[in-house]
Amino acid sequence: MSKSPEQEEHPRKAFGWAARDASGILSPFNFSRRENGIDDVAIKILYCGVCHSDLHLAKNDWGYTMYPVVPGHEIVGVVTEVGSNVTNLKVGEHVGVGAMVGSCKTCQSCQQDLENYCPKMIFTYNSINYDGTKTYGGYSDMVVVNKDFVLRWPDNLPPDSGAPLLCAGITVYSPMKYYGMTEPGKHLGVVGLGGLGHIAVKLGKAFGLKVTVISTSPHKEAEATERLGADSFIVSRDPVKVKAALGTMDYIIDTVSAVHPLAPLLGLLKPHGKLITLGLPDKPLELPIFPLVLGRKLVGGSDIGGIKETQEMLEFCAKHNIAADIELIQMDYINTAMERLAKADVQYRFVIDVANSLSQYVMS
């Protein structure tokens, strides 16, 4: 029986779970990783968070999935091997790998430590390496990554509940820093109390902001205010509460990935307020111009963060005891987890116990 291309590309055997078609169903998958080069770090994967983009890509919702696909870009693991040019990491250290594993390193974005905006950026999975081979993600036993895209893991940051910070955390932290949402006493609205939203609440409070959660789900109020520490809660379908909050917020972070109206959110902003969208709806949103012009308001976006800023975020979260609220799962639960994720049935992030899950499988 001949080997698949994935097994022949590189000599280093690897094992994970992959989706092979648009059904999105994941199952055991033998493939390969490259050998550890002089600039590389080999990592045994311990935990991997389950991001909503994993679900989209497994099902080809965005139309560019390259099957088979091994998802996962919220990776925490242990260094097992380092190349001769790697001086800042040692075997046995805990490290993280986020949503990217390569960039050109020469463009303006790369020179400004914004590799996430490099036009040649390589995603951790479902991307093409510079050698023409495909990248595979963290739903697997190990990974080999260029040293410049490996993050040092703070000693006091839990590796399981900290894993989602590598995508959800930096996706929130980066726009908060860039758009100036760090001034104590200012008022931040957080739309959607999911994987990104609950971390936005925690980061907002750590920056000293007044935080209001805006949600369509009334049952989330106690969770938002009593456990996560939000100062107030607005049901977006309650016209009385929405009217009372008009013009009260300095910033809003919108984490919702479904199609939804922006006009009510713009109404909540003060003059000169900023609405930053982080969700990725599958259809365009309608943007009313009058509220922007009459209030000199801003609508912006943001996409993860560079390596330097991601390291900064990890250190900040470690200092302030910020991690994700997670449900730890085994690898063979992933298809059920994906079904639940599609229904927003998780508080607030699934994380796969990769090392313990995959130890029961023997590679063929």
Protein backbone atom coordinates (compact mmCIF):
# COMPACT_ATOMS: atom_id res chain seq x y z
CA MET A 1 0.00 0.00 0.00
CA SER A 2 1.49 3.33 -1.05
CA LYS A 3 1.99 6.19 1.35
CA SER A 4 -0.05 9.36 1.15
CA PRO A 5 1.70 12.57 0.09
CA GLU A 6 1.45 13.79 3.69
CA GLN A 7 3.55 10.85 4.83
CA GLU A 8 6.16 11.33 2.11
CA GLU A 9 6.70 15.10 2.39
CA HIS A 10 8.94 14.84 5.46
CA PRO A 11 10.70 12.04 7.29
CA ARG A 12 9.39 12.84 10.79
CA LYS A 13 6.24 10.90 11.64
CA ALA A 14 3.39 12.75 13.31
CA PHE A 15 -0.11 11.86 14.37
CA GLY A 16 -3.25 13.91 14.85
CA TRP A 17 -6.89 14.30 13.91
CA ALA A 18 -7.90 15.72 10.54
CA ALA A 19 -10.99 16.70 8.58
CA ARG A 20 -10.92 15.27 5.07
CA ASP A 21 -13.94 16.94 3.46
CA ALA A 22 -16.57 19.63 4.02
CA SER A 23 -18.49 17.46 6.48
CA GLY A 24 -15.91 18.74 8.96
CA ILE A 25 -15.76 15.36 10.70
CA LEU A 26 -12.34 14.79 12.24
CA SER A 27 -10.68 11.38 12.61
CA PRO A 28 -7.21 9.92 13.32
CA PHE A 29 -4.59 10.89 10.74
CA ASN A 30 -0.96 9.90 10.16
CA PHE A 31 1.17 12.57 8.49
CA SER A 32 4.65 14.06 8.78
CA ARG A 33 6.61 17.04 10.06
CA ARG A 34 9.93 18.38 8.82
CA GLU A 35 13.13 17.49 10.64
CA ASN A 36 14.33 20.07 13.15
CA GLY A 37 16.50 22.62 11.30
CA ILE A 38 19.12 24.91 12.79
CA ASP A 39 16.50 27.64 13.37
CA ASP A 40 13.72 25.30 14.51
CA VAL A 41 12.16 24.18 17.76
CA ALA A 42 10.48 20.78 18.07
CA ILE A 43 7.59 20.77 20.52
CA LYS A 44 5.59 18.00 22.14
CA ILE A 45 2.04 19.36 22.23
CA LEU A 46 0.31 19.22 25.62
CA TYR A 47 -2.82 21.30 25.05
CA CYS A 48 -4.56 22.95 22.12
CA GLY A 49 -7.51 25.30 22.27
CA VAL A 50 -10.48 24.95 19.92
CA CYS A 51 -11.08 28.22 18.09
CA HIS A 52 -14.25 29.02 16.14
CA SER A 53 -12.07 29.39 13.05
CA ASP A 54 -11.17 25.69 13.43
CA LEU A 55 -14.84 24.88 12.89
CA HIS A 56 -15.10 27.22 9.88
CA LEU A 57 -12.02 25.76 8.23
CA ALA A 58 -12.94 22.14 8.95
CA LYS A 59 -16.24 22.74 7.14
CA ASN A 60 -14.75 24.95 4.40
CA ASP A 61 -17.12 27.78 5.36
CA TRP A 62 -14.68 30.34 3.95
CA GLY A 63 -14.03 28.43 0.74
CA TYR A 64 -10.27 27.90 0.90
CA THR A 65 -9.73 24.81 3.06
CA MET A 66 -7.03 22.45 1.77
CA TYR A 67 -8.01 18.94 2.79
CA PRO A 68 -6.93 17.03 4.74
CA VAL A 69 -6.73 19.73 7.41
CA VAL A 70 -5.40 19.31 10.96
CA PRO A 71 -6.77 22.34 12.85
CA GLY A 72 -5.44 24.02 15.97
CA HIS A 73 -3.51 27.25 16.61
CA GLU A 74 -3.68 27.70 20.38
CA ILE A 75 -0.80 25.36 21.20
CA VAL A 76 1.03 24.90 24.50
CA GLY A 77 3.76 22.30 24.73
CA VAL A 78 7.22 21.29 25.88
CA VAL A 79 10.42 21.79 23.89
CA THR A 80 11.96 18.44 22.89
CA GLU A 81 14.69 19.64 20.52
CA VAL A 82 16.30 22.92 19.47
CA GLY A 83 18.39 23.82 16.44
CA SER A 84 21.95 25.07 16.75
CA ASN A 85 20.90 28.70 16.16
CA VAL A 86 18.30 28.62 18.96
CA THR A 87 19.73 30.35 22.02
CA ASN A 88 16.70 31.58 23.93
CA LEU A 89 14.90 28.26 24.46
CA LYS A 90 15.96 24.97 26.02
CA VAL A 91 14.71 21.40 26.00
CA GLY A 92 12.10 20.91 28.73
CA GLU A 93 10.78 24.49 28.71
CA HIS A 94 7.08 25.21 28.24
CA VAL A 95 6.29 27.25 25.13
CA GLY A 96 3.34 28.45 23.08
CA VAL A 97 2.54 28.65 19.37
CA GLY A 98 -0.28 30.84 18.10
CA ALA A 99 -1.94 31.35 14.74
CA MET A 100 1.20 31.93 12.64
CA VAL A 101 4.47 30.09 12.13
CA GLY A 102 6.21 32.16 9.48
CA SER A 103 6.51 35.50 7.68
CA CYS A 104 8.85 37.12 5.17
CA LYS A 105 10.71 39.02 7.95
CA THR A 106 11.63 41.82 5.51
CA CYS A 107 8.44 43.79 4.75
CA GLN A 108 7.39 46.91 6.63
CA SER A 109 4.93 44.99 8.81
CA CYS A 110 7.58 42.46 9.82
CA GLN A 111 10.09 45.23 10.55
CA GLN A 112 7.52 46.78 12.89
CA ASP A 113 6.93 43.49 14.77
CA LEU A 114 3.56 43.12 13.05
CA GLU A 115 4.18 39.78 11.36
CA ASN A 116 0.43 39.12 11.52
CA TYR A 117 -0.05 41.68 8.74
CA CYS A 118 2.76 40.36 6.54
CA PRO A 119 1.38 39.58 3.05
CA LYS A 120 3.40 36.34 3.09
CA MET A 121 2.46 35.29 6.61
CA ILE A 122 2.18 31.51 7.11
CA PHE A 123 -0.69 30.25 9.21
CA THR A 124 -0.10 27.46 11.70
CA TYR A 125 -2.38 25.22 9.64
CA ASN A 126 -4.09 25.21 6.24
CA SER A 127 -1.28 27.28 4.79
CA ILE A 128 1.70 26.66 2.50
CA ASN A 129 5.26 26.73 3.84
CA TYR A 130 8.04 28.42 1.88
CA ASP A 131 9.22 24.96 0.82
CA GLY A 132 5.85 24.31 -0.82
CA THR A 133 4.57 21.86 1.80
CA LYS A 134 1.37 22.27 3.80
CA THR A 135 1.11 23.27 7.45
CA TYR A 136 -0.77 21.16 9.98
CA GLY A 137 -2.03 22.42 13.32
CA GLY A 138 -2.14 21.53 16.98
CA TYR A 139 -4.69 18.74 17.02
CA SER A 140 -1.59 16.54 16.86
CA ASP A 141 1.20 15.09 18.96
CA MET A 142 4.05 17.40 17.96
CA VAL A 143 5.05 20.34 15.81
CA VAL A 144 8.25 21.87 14.43
CA VAL A 145 8.28 25.69 14.39
CA ASN A 146 10.79 28.38 13.45
CA LYS A 147 12.28 29.86 16.64
CA ASP A 148 11.01 33.36 15.87
CA PHE A 149 7.40 32.17 16.18
CA VAL A 150 7.73 30.27 19.45
CA LEU A 151 6.59 32.07 22.60
CA ARG A 152 8.06 31.67 26.07
CA TRP A 153 5.43 30.43 28.49
CA PRO A 154 5.25 32.29 31.84
CA ASP A 155 5.80 29.99 34.83
CA ASN A 156 2.60 30.99 36.65
CA LEU A 157 0.29 30.83 33.61
CA PRO A 158 -1.70 27.56 33.47
CA PRO A 159 -0.88 25.67 30.26
CA ASP A 160 -4.43 24.38 29.75
CA SER A 161 -6.59 27.44 30.47
CA GLY A 162 -3.84 29.70 29.16
CA ALA A 163 -3.82 28.09 25.71
CA PRO A 164 -6.76 30.13 24.31
CA LEU A 165 -4.84 33.32 25.05
CA LEU A 166 -2.67 32.50 22.02
CA CYS A 167 -5.58 33.41 19.73
CA ALA A 168 -8.58 34.69 21.67
CA GLY A 169 -6.40 36.58 24.14
CA ILE A 170 -4.18 38.38 21.65
CA THR A 171 -7.13 39.05 19.34
CA VAL A 172 -8.62 41.16 22.13
CA TYR A 173 -5.42 42.53 23.68
CA SER A 174 -3.94 43.90 20.44
CA PRO A 175 -6.84 46.23 19.52
CA MET A 176 -7.19 47.35 23.13
CA LYS A 177 -3.58 48.53 23.05
CA TYR A 178 -3.62 49.91 19.50
CA TYR A 179 -6.89 51.84 19.82
CA GLY A 180 -6.05 53.20 23.28
CA MET A 181 -8.57 51.19 25.29
CA THR A 182 -6.34 51.13 28.35
CA GLU A 183 -7.13 54.39 30.15
CA PRO A 184 -8.46 53.62 33.64
CA GLY A 185 -11.99 54.87 34.25
CA LYS A 186 -13.08 54.80 30.62
CA HIS A 187 -16.17 52.79 29.66
CA LEU A 188 -15.82 49.66 27.51
CA GLY A 189 -18.71 47.75 25.99
CA VAL A 190 -18.13 44.09 25.11
CA VAL A 191 -20.55 42.61 22.58
CA GLY A 192 -20.92 38.85 22.93
CA LEU A 193 -19.88 36.84 25.97
CA GLY A 194 -18.10 33.96 24.27
CA GLY A 195 -14.49 32.86 23.81
CA LEU A 196 -13.23 36.36 22.97
CA GLY A 197 -15.81 38.30 24.94
CA HIS A 198 -15.14 36.77 28.35
CA ILE A 199 -11.42 37.46 27.97
CA ALA A 200 -12.18 41.03 26.88
CA VAL A 201 -14.07 41.51 30.16
CA LYS A 202 -11.10 40.24 32.17
CA LEU A 203 -8.58 42.35 30.25
CA GLY A 204 -10.79 45.43 30.48
CA LYS A 205 -11.01 45.13 34.25
CA ALA A 206 -7.24 44.58 34.49
CA PHE A 207 -6.74 47.85 32.59
CA GLY A 208 -9.02 49.62 35.06
CA LEU A 209 -11.97 50.15 32.70
CA LYS A 210 -15.66 50.18 33.49
CA VAL A 211 -16.98 47.18 31.55
CA THR A 212 -20.51 46.57 30.25
CA VAL A 213 -21.42 43.32 28.54
CA ILE A 214 -23.90 43.59 25.65
CA SER A 215 -25.61 40.30 24.87
CA THR A 216 -28.74 38.80 23.35
CA SER A 217 -28.84 36.22 26.18
CA PRO A 218 -30.43 37.44 29.46
CA HIS A 219 -29.31 34.31 31.29
CA LYS A 220 -25.66 35.39 30.96
CA GLU A 221 -26.08 38.43 33.23
CA ALA A 222 -25.15 36.71 36.49
CA GLU A 223 -22.14 35.08 34.86
CA ALA A 224 -20.95 38.38 33.44
CA THR A 225 -21.33 40.50 36.55
CA GLU A 226 -20.91 38.09 39.47
CA ARG A 227 -18.18 35.80 38.19
CA LEU A 228 -16.34 37.67 35.44
CA GLY A 229 -16.53 41.05 37.15
CA ALA A 230 -18.36 43.16 34.56
CA ASP A 231 -19.85 46.33 36.00
CA SER A 232 -23.14 46.09 34.13
CA PHE A 233 -25.06 44.05 31.58
CA ILE A 234 -27.35 45.08 28.73
CA VAL A 235 -29.71 42.78 26.87
CA SER A 236 -29.41 44.12 23.34
CA ARG A 237 -33.05 43.27 22.59
CA ASP A 238 -34.32 45.32 25.55
CA PRO A 239 -35.14 48.78 24.12
CA VAL A 240 -35.46 50.34 27.58
CA LYS A 241 -31.98 49.30 28.71
CA VAL A 242 -30.45 50.16 25.36
CA LYS A 243 -32.00 53.63 25.40
CA ALA A 244 -30.72 54.26 28.91
CA ALA A 245 -27.17 53.44 27.78
CA LEU A 246 -27.13 55.60 24.64
CA GLY A 247 -24.02 57.76 24.39
CA THR A 248 -22.33 56.31 27.49
CA MET A 249 -19.44 54.21 26.15
CA ASP A 250 -15.98 55.27 25.07
CA TYR A 251 -15.19 52.02 23.27
CA ILE A 252 -16.95 48.88 22.13
CA ILE A 253 -15.32 45.57 21.22
CA ASP A 254 -17.65 43.54 19.01
CA THR A 255 -16.80 39.83 19.08
CA VAL A 256 -19.92 38.53 17.32
CA SER A 257 -19.33 36.42 14.19
CA ALA A 258 -22.97 36.31 13.08
CA VAL A 259 -24.55 38.97 10.89
CA HIS A 260 -25.93 41.71 13.17
CA PRO A 261 -26.79 45.42 13.01
CA LEU A 262 -24.09 47.96 13.86
CA ALA A 263 -26.36 51.00 14.18
CA PRO A 264 -27.50 50.21 17.76
CA LEU A 265 -23.88 49.76 18.85
CA LEU A 266 -22.83 53.08 17.32
CA GLY A 267 -25.66 54.67 19.27
CA LEU A 268 -24.13 53.47 22.55
CA LEU A 269 -20.87 55.29 21.85
CA LYS A 270 -20.06 58.78 23.06
CA PRO A 271 -18.86 61.30 20.47
CA HIS A 272 -15.36 60.28 19.30
CA GLY A 273 -16.06 56.71 20.43
CA LYS A 274 -14.54 53.64 18.80
CA LEU A 275 -16.29 50.44 17.68
CA ILE A 276 -13.79 47.67 16.96
CA THR A 277 -15.06 44.53 15.24
CA LEU A 278 -13.27 41.22 15.76
CA GLY A 279 -15.85 38.68 14.57
CA LEU A 280 -15.84 37.33 11.03
CA PRO A 281 -19.44 37.10 9.73
CA ASP A 282 -19.90 35.17 6.49
CA LYS A 283 -21.77 38.11 4.94
CA PRO A 284 -21.03 41.86 4.88
CA LEU A 285 -22.40 44.04 7.66
CA GLU A 286 -24.32 47.23 6.95
CA LEU A 287 -22.51 50.34 8.16
CA PRO A 288 -24.63 53.48 8.65
CA ILE A 289 -22.60 56.61 7.92
CA PHE A 290 -24.64 59.34 9.66
CA PRO A 291 -23.70 58.24 13.22
CA LEU A 292 -20.03 58.20 12.22
CA VAL A 293 -20.07 61.67 10.70
CA LEU A 294 -22.28 63.35 13.30
CA GLY A 295 -20.35 61.86 16.23
CA ARG A 296 -16.86 61.65 14.74
CA LYS A 297 -16.95 57.97 15.63
CA LEU A 298 -14.65 55.28 14.34
CA VAL A 299 -15.24 51.71 13.19
CA GLY A 300 -12.10 49.59 13.02
CA GLY A 301 -10.88 46.04 13.00
CA SER A 302 -7.93 43.99 14.19
CA ASP A 303 -6.38 40.57 13.59
CA ILE A 304 -4.41 38.74 16.30
CA GLY A 305 -1.05 40.42 17.00
CA GLY A 306 2.67 40.20 16.30
CA ILE A 307 4.99 37.88 18.21
CA LYS A 308 6.42 40.65 20.39
CA GLU A 309 2.95 41.85 21.38
CA THR A 310 1.71 38.30 21.95
CA GLN A 311 4.61 37.70 24.36
CA GLU A 312 3.71 40.97 26.10
CA MET A 313 0.10 39.81 26.38
CA LEU A 314 1.12 36.50 27.95
CA GLU A 315 3.22 38.31 30.55
CA PHE A 316 0.37 40.74 31.28
CA CYS A 317 -2.11 37.89 31.74
CA ALA A 318 0.30 36.02 33.99
CA LYS A 319 0.77 39.14 36.12
CA HIS A 320 -2.99 39.69 36.46
CA ASN A 321 -3.98 36.02 36.77
CA ILE A 322 -5.98 36.09 33.54
CA ALA A 323 -6.74 32.86 31.72
CA ALA A 324 -9.69 31.50 29.76
CA ASP A 325 -12.63 29.69 31.30
CA ILE A 326 -12.37 26.30 29.67
CA GLU A 327 -13.86 22.85 29.29
CA LEU A 328 -11.00 20.36 29.02
CA ILE A 329 -11.78 17.56 26.58
CA GLN A 330 -10.20 14.44 25.12
CA MET A 331 -9.31 14.31 21.44
CA ASP A 332 -12.01 11.76 20.62
CA TYR A 333 -14.65 14.24 21.87
CA ILE A 334 -13.71 16.83 19.24
CA ASN A 335 -16.60 16.18 16.83
CA THR A 336 -19.13 16.58 19.64
CA ALA A 337 -17.28 19.69 20.77
CA MET A 338 -17.53 21.14 17.26
CA GLU A 339 -21.27 20.51 17.22
CA ARG A 340 -21.61 22.24 20.57
CA LEU A 341 -19.37 25.10 19.47
CA ALA A 342 -21.64 25.71 16.47
CA LYS A 343 -24.51 26.17 18.95
CA ALA A 344 -22.40 28.32 21.32
CA ASP A 345 -22.77 25.58 23.93
CA VAL A 346 -19.48 26.10 25.79
CA GLN A 347 -18.29 28.31 28.63
CA TYR A 348 -16.20 29.62 27.08
CA ARG A 349 -13.50 27.65 25.29
CA PHE A 350 -12.84 23.99 24.61
CA VAL A 351 -9.24 22.92 25.16
CA ILE A 352 -7.98 19.50 24.05
CA ASP A 353 -5.83 17.53 26.48
CA VAL A 354 -3.69 16.49 23.54
CA ALA A 355 -0.81 14.63 25.20
CA ASN A 356 -3.03 12.43 27.36
CA SER A 357 -5.55 11.93 24.54
CA LEU A 358 -3.12 10.80 21.86
CA SER A 359 -1.01 8.57 24.11
CA GLN A 360 -3.66 5.86 23.73
CA TYR A 361 -3.18 5.70 19.95
CA VAL A 362 -0.40 3.82 18.21
CA MET A 363 0.72 5.23 14.88
CA SER A 364 0.50 2.81 12.00
